[in-house]
Amino acid sequence: MVLNDDNFNKRKRRQAQTGRNFPKNQWEPSKPVPYIFDPKLNENARKLVRLAAQFWTENTCLSFAENGQGNPKVRIFPGGGCYR
């Protein structure tokens, strides 16, 4: 989407999930976010995910651990979309 004078003020912000069934923190802030790869994910895609996790770890307050301890885990799989 290209914002212009006509649609700039019409853009709505994405709403974060809230509510008593949605925890304040999915992961303990002092620990890395554990992630696993789906067996169907190819090695090239895994390398890209590892590079992205390294970038986020180096440039944000987040850290990631492949096959890390704890739950929930982020499962990286081939395909599109956003899932919970």
N, C-alpha and C. Protein backbone atom coordinates (compact mmCIF):
# COMPACT_ATOMS: atom_id res chain seq x y z
N MET A 1 0.85 -1.17 0.00
CA MET A 1 0.00 0.00 0.00
C MET A 1 0.90 1.23 0.00
N VAL A 2 0.59 2.15 -0.85
CA VAL A 2 1.31 3.42 -0.90
C VAL A 2 0.45 4.47 -0.23
N LEU A 3 0.98 5.10 0.80
CA LEU A 3 0.22 6.14 1.49
C LEU A 3 0.33 7.45 0.73
N ASN A 4 -0.83 8.09 0.56
CA ASN A 4 -0.86 9.41 -0.05
C ASN A 4 -1.77 10.30 0.79
N ASP A 5 -1.98 11.54 0.36
CA ASP A 5 -2.80 12.46 1.15
C ASP A 5 -4.22 11.95 1.36
N ASP A 6 -4.76 11.22 0.39
CA ASP A 6 -6.13 10.74 0.49
C ASP A 6 -6.29 9.60 1.49
N ASN A 7 -5.33 8.69 1.53
CA ASN A 7 -5.52 7.51 2.39
C ASN A 7 -4.68 7.56 3.67
N PHE A 8 -3.86 8.57 3.85
CA PHE A 8 -2.98 8.62 5.02
C PHE A 8 -3.78 8.59 6.32
N ASN A 9 -4.82 9.41 6.42
CA ASN A 9 -5.60 9.49 7.65
C ASN A 9 -6.59 8.34 7.80
N LYS A 10 -6.80 7.57 6.76
CA LYS A 10 -7.73 6.45 6.82
C LYS A 10 -7.07 5.17 7.34
N ARG A 11 -5.74 5.15 7.37
CA ARG A 11 -5.03 3.95 7.81
C ARG A 11 -5.34 3.68 9.27
N LYS A 12 -5.66 2.44 9.59
CA LYS A 12 -5.93 2.06 10.97
C LYS A 12 -4.77 1.26 11.51
N ARG A 13 -4.50 1.44 12.77
CA ARG A 13 -3.41 0.72 13.41
C ARG A 13 -3.85 -0.70 13.72
N ARG A 14 -2.90 -1.61 13.63
CA ARG A 14 -3.17 -3.00 13.97
C ARG A 14 -3.36 -3.09 15.48
N GLN A 15 -4.32 -3.85 15.91
CA GLN A 15 -4.60 -3.99 17.33
C GLN A 15 -3.84 -5.16 17.92
N ALA A 16 -3.17 -4.92 19.02
CA ALA A 16 -2.48 -6.00 19.73
C ALA A 16 -3.52 -6.83 20.45
N GLN A 17 -3.25 -8.11 20.60
CA GLN A 17 -4.18 -8.97 21.31
C GLN A 17 -4.11 -8.67 22.80
N THR A 18 -5.26 -8.65 23.41
CA THR A 18 -5.35 -8.42 24.85
C THR A 18 -6.42 -9.32 25.41
N GLY A 19 -6.63 -9.23 26.69
CA GLY A 19 -7.67 -10.03 27.32
C GLY A 19 -7.08 -10.96 28.36
N ARG A 20 -7.93 -11.45 29.23
CA ARG A 20 -7.41 -12.27 30.32
C ARG A 20 -6.86 -13.61 29.84
N ASN A 21 -7.29 -14.10 28.68
CA ASN A 21 -6.77 -15.37 28.17
C ASN A 21 -5.49 -15.19 27.37
N PHE A 22 -5.08 -13.96 27.15
CA PHE A 22 -3.84 -13.71 26.42
C PHE A 22 -2.81 -13.21 27.42
N PRO A 23 -1.77 -14.01 27.67
CA PRO A 23 -0.80 -13.64 28.71
C PRO A 23 -0.05 -12.37 28.36
N LYS A 24 0.39 -11.68 29.41
CA LYS A 24 1.16 -10.45 29.21
C LYS A 24 2.47 -10.74 28.50
N ASN A 25 3.11 -11.82 28.86
CA ASN A 25 4.36 -12.24 28.22
C ASN A 25 4.24 -13.69 27.79
N GLN A 26 4.55 -13.96 26.54
CA GLN A 26 4.56 -15.34 26.07
C GLN A 26 5.79 -16.07 26.59
N TRP A 27 6.89 -15.35 26.71
CA TRP A 27 8.15 -15.94 27.15
C TRP A 27 8.72 -15.08 28.26
N GLU A 28 9.48 -15.71 29.12
CA GLU A 28 10.13 -14.97 30.20
C GLU A 28 11.14 -14.00 29.58
N PRO A 29 11.05 -12.72 29.92
CA PRO A 29 11.90 -11.71 29.26
C PRO A 29 13.40 -11.95 29.39
N SER A 30 13.82 -12.59 30.44
CA SER A 30 15.26 -12.78 30.64
C SER A 30 15.81 -14.01 29.92
N LYS A 31 14.94 -14.79 29.28
CA LYS A 31 15.38 -16.02 28.62
C LYS A 31 15.16 -15.93 27.11
N PRO A 32 15.96 -16.66 26.34
CA PRO A 32 15.76 -16.64 24.88
C PRO A 32 14.45 -17.30 24.47
N VAL A 33 13.92 -16.85 23.35
CA VAL A 33 12.71 -17.43 22.77
C VAL A 33 13.13 -18.73 22.08
N PRO A 34 12.59 -19.87 22.52
CA PRO A 34 12.96 -21.13 21.87
C PRO A 34 12.23 -21.31 20.54
N TYR A 35 12.95 -21.84 19.56
CA TYR A 35 12.31 -22.11 18.27
C TYR A 35 12.79 -23.46 17.74
N ILE A 36 11.93 -24.06 16.94
CA ILE A 36 12.24 -25.35 16.32
C ILE A 36 11.88 -25.26 14.84
N PHE A 37 12.51 -26.12 14.04
CA PHE A 37 12.22 -26.19 12.62
C PHE A 37 11.33 -27.38 12.32
N ASP A 38 10.35 -27.17 11.48
CA ASP A 38 9.56 -28.27 10.95
C ASP A 38 10.47 -29.12 10.08
N PRO A 39 10.35 -30.44 10.13
CA PRO A 39 11.21 -31.30 9.31
C PRO A 39 11.12 -31.01 7.81
N LYS A 40 10.01 -30.43 7.35
CA LYS A 40 9.84 -30.15 5.92
C LYS A 40 10.57 -28.88 5.47
N LEU A 41 11.09 -28.10 6.41
CA LEU A 41 11.76 -26.85 6.05
C LEU A 41 13.15 -27.15 5.51
N ASN A 42 13.47 -26.64 4.32
CA ASN A 42 14.75 -26.97 3.70
C ASN A 42 15.92 -26.23 4.37
N GLU A 43 17.12 -26.68 4.10
CA GLU A 43 18.31 -26.15 4.77
C GLU A 43 18.56 -24.69 4.43
N ASN A 44 18.28 -24.28 3.21
CA ASN A 44 18.48 -22.88 2.84
C ASN A 44 17.58 -21.96 3.67
N ALA A 45 16.33 -22.35 3.85
CA ALA A 45 15.40 -21.58 4.67
C ALA A 45 15.86 -21.55 6.12
N ARG A 46 16.38 -22.66 6.61
CA ARG A 46 16.89 -22.71 7.99
C ARG A 46 18.04 -21.74 8.18
N LYS A 47 18.93 -21.66 7.19
CA LYS A 47 20.06 -20.72 7.28
C LYS A 47 19.55 -19.28 7.36
N LEU A 48 18.54 -18.97 6.56
CA LEU A 48 17.97 -17.62 6.59
C LEU A 48 17.34 -17.29 7.94
N VAL A 49 16.64 -18.26 8.51
CA VAL A 49 16.03 -18.05 9.83
C VAL A 49 17.12 -17.83 10.88
N ARG A 50 18.18 -18.63 10.81
CA ARG A 50 19.28 -18.46 11.78
C ARG A 50 19.91 -17.08 11.65
N LEU A 51 20.10 -16.61 10.42
CA LEU A 51 20.65 -15.27 10.21
C LEU A 51 19.71 -14.19 10.77
N ALA A 52 18.41 -14.36 10.55
CA ALA A 52 17.44 -13.40 11.08
C ALA A 52 17.44 -13.41 12.60
N ALA A 53 17.47 -14.59 13.21
CA ALA A 53 17.50 -14.69 14.68
C ALA A 53 18.76 -14.03 15.23
N GLN A 54 19.87 -14.22 14.55
CA GLN A 54 21.12 -13.59 14.97
C GLN A 54 21.00 -12.06 14.87
N PHE A 55 20.42 -11.57 13.79
CA PHE A 55 20.23 -10.12 13.62
C PHE A 55 19.38 -9.55 14.74
N TRP A 56 18.23 -10.20 15.01
CA TRP A 56 17.34 -9.70 16.06
C TRP A 56 18.02 -9.74 17.43
N THR A 57 18.78 -10.80 17.68
CA THR A 57 19.49 -10.90 18.96
C THR A 57 20.50 -9.77 19.11
N GLU A 58 21.20 -9.45 18.03
CA GLU A 58 22.23 -8.41 18.08
C GLU A 58 21.67 -6.99 18.08
N ASN A 59 20.44 -6.82 17.59
CA ASN A 59 19.91 -5.47 17.39
C ASN A 59 18.65 -5.14 18.19
N THR A 60 18.18 -6.07 18.99
CA THR A 60 16.99 -5.82 19.82
C THR A 60 17.23 -6.41 21.20
N CYS A 61 16.24 -6.28 22.05
CA CYS A 61 16.34 -6.87 23.39
C CYS A 61 15.89 -8.34 23.39
N LEU A 62 15.53 -8.88 22.23
CA LEU A 62 15.13 -10.28 22.12
C LEU A 62 16.34 -11.17 21.87
N SER A 63 16.24 -12.40 22.32
CA SER A 63 17.24 -13.41 21.95
C SER A 63 16.50 -14.70 21.62
N PHE A 64 17.14 -15.54 20.84
CA PHE A 64 16.51 -16.75 20.34
C PHE A 64 17.42 -17.94 20.55
N ALA A 65 16.83 -19.12 20.75
CA ALA A 65 17.60 -20.34 20.94
C ALA A 65 16.99 -21.47 20.12
N GLU A 66 17.74 -21.94 19.13
CA GLU A 66 17.28 -23.07 18.34
C GLU A 66 17.21 -24.30 19.23
N ASN A 67 16.10 -25.01 19.18
CA ASN A 67 15.85 -26.19 20.02
C ASN A 67 16.00 -25.85 21.50
N GLY A 68 15.64 -24.61 21.86
CA GLY A 68 15.79 -24.15 23.24
C GLY A 68 14.79 -24.79 24.19
N GLN A 69 15.08 -24.64 25.46
CA GLN A 69 14.21 -25.16 26.52
C GLN A 69 12.99 -24.26 26.68
N GLY A 70 11.94 -24.81 27.23
CA GLY A 70 10.76 -24.03 27.58
C GLY A 70 9.66 -24.11 26.55
N ASN A 71 8.50 -23.66 26.99
CA ASN A 71 7.31 -23.60 26.15
C ASN A 71 6.63 -22.27 26.39
N PRO A 72 5.93 -21.73 25.43
CA PRO A 72 5.75 -22.24 24.08
C PRO A 72 6.99 -22.04 23.22
N LYS A 73 7.06 -22.80 22.15
CA LYS A 73 8.14 -22.68 21.18
C LYS A 73 7.58 -22.10 19.88
N VAL A 74 8.41 -21.38 19.17
CA VAL A 74 8.04 -20.91 17.83
C VAL A 74 8.43 -22.03 16.87
N ARG A 75 7.46 -22.49 16.07
CA ARG A 75 7.74 -23.54 15.09
C ARG A 75 7.83 -22.89 13.72
N ILE A 76 8.99 -23.03 13.08
CA ILE A 76 9.23 -22.45 11.76
C ILE A 76 8.92 -23.52 10.72
N PHE A 77 8.00 -23.23 9.80
CA PHE A 77 7.59 -24.22 8.82
C PHE A 77 7.44 -23.58 7.45
N PRO A 78 7.50 -24.38 6.39
CA PRO A 78 7.31 -23.81 5.06
C PRO A 78 5.85 -23.45 4.83
N GLY A 79 5.63 -22.37 4.14
CA GLY A 79 4.26 -21.97 3.85
C GLY A 79 4.06 -20.51 4.13
N GLY A 80 2.86 -20.05 3.95
CA GLY A 80 2.53 -18.66 4.16
C GLY A 80 1.51 -18.50 5.26
N GLY A 81 1.31 -17.28 5.67
CA GLY A 81 0.29 -17.00 6.67
C GLY A 81 0.87 -16.75 8.04
N CYS A 82 -0.03 -16.49 8.95
CA CYS A 82 0.33 -16.22 10.34
C CYS A 82 -0.55 -17.10 11.21
N TYR A 83 0.06 -17.87 12.08
CA TYR A 83 -0.68 -18.85 12.87
C TYR A 83 -0.37 -18.69 14.34
N ARG A 84 -1.31 -19.10 15.18
CA ARG A 84 -1.10 -19.10 16.62
C ARG A 84 -1.29 -20.50 17.13
